[in-house]
Amino acid sequence: MNTLLFPVILAGGKGERFWPLSRKDRPKQFLSLDGSSRSLLQATADRLIKLGGGESSAVLGVSPMSDWRTRTGWDSLWVITSSQIAEGVRQQLPDLPVENLLIESEGRDTAAAVAWTSLEIKQRYGEDAVIGFFPADHWIANEEAFAHTLSAATQLAASTAAIVTLGIKPTFPSTGYGYIEQGEKIGSFNELPAYHVNRFTEKPDRETAETFLSTGRFSWNSGMFVFRAGVVLKELHTHAPEIIEPLEQQGPDIYPQLPKKSIDYALMEKTTLAYVLPVDFGWDDLGDWNAIERLLKTEENPNVELATHVGLDTQGAIIYASNPEDVVVTIGLEDVVIVRDHNVTLVVKKERTQEIKQILKILQSDSRFTDLL
């Protein structure tokens, strides 16, 4: 049984809600947001190459078509990204084999990305190759528990016609995440229980989220999936033929004409082969500036300060400056985000950070501000 996992990093996102730090040529996945020296993309790759045994043990010069058993570490890692930031990905991950970097001519959301990558891996390693998809911008606290979970997911996917998703045990009634309801238990893998998925639910209101938590049957949808190539391609033929068939027939040249759909909408909400592993390894999707507070907030400081800050009667603030020589001075502020990056300063209430995307649309419509995007 093939139990080697081929991890794929989904690195095409823009990270607009981290503007102005995140820009077109410097998207969120290229940033270090946790105080470390590694970008989110690099930290994701660091985690995933360990699943293949750490540094590559493949002999230099081994053909890409060689048996999957000889390929570990960097050789097993794949990245799919946009043409706009592909060069940046190469610079951030210089050890990634060039043939393992797929470059989308135009972003068509995650369903097309999953379909194309799965086709490529199937062609190289066969339909039994186990593939995992991971966003480039997630934060993981306990990497040992994460690896343990991925081993369980790989065992389940290798032994069953299953599309396995990792469900994060919720710690509060979030209205910003999708939810997964677990159904019948089908067994345990690597000592972790696995369940058939009853349903996926989009971002609920607070009352619904509180109800979900009270049942103990719901997990947050992490957007991480594991499956065999042949299984997911067959399900895409059933539920999303408008995506998989053009790719099979015409290859990636057809990419700009594919419908723009998420893998959740195109497949996961429709398939009967969805299974969930409820897990708890410390996770955050780093969706907007408020995530910085969740990662770095301490009891000693009323604010999260990634800048030189002088404050009077200021609390609950998130303050960031890309230039250490810049000084941010505040008086009488509460629950705000202040970001200073080069010639742009953002000031927003923490509860309204989701609206940064609306500001970007306004900037995009005015030629005076194109350099700020």
Foldseek 3Di string as FASTA:
>chain_A
DDLQEQEEEEEADQLLLAPPVGDLQRGQQNDDLQPDPAGLLLVVLQLVLVLFPAPWPADPPDDLLDAPVNTGRLNSYAYEYEPSHQVVVCVRCVPRPPVRYHYAPDDQAAVLVLLQNLVVCCVRHNQLHKYKYDYSQKDFAFSVQVSLVSSQQSVDQNVDLAKEFEFELDPALFLQFKKWFFDAWDDGGSNFIKGFTPAIGHRDPSVVSVVVNVVVGMGTGRVMIMHGSNSVLVQCVVQPVQNNVCCVVPNSVCVVVGHRDYCCVRGVRPDRRYMYTHGHRDMDNCSHPVVSCVNQPDPVAQEADQEAEDEACEGLEYEHEPDNVDYHYYYNYYQWYWYHYVPDIDIGHNVCSVCSVVVVVVLVVDPVRPVSD
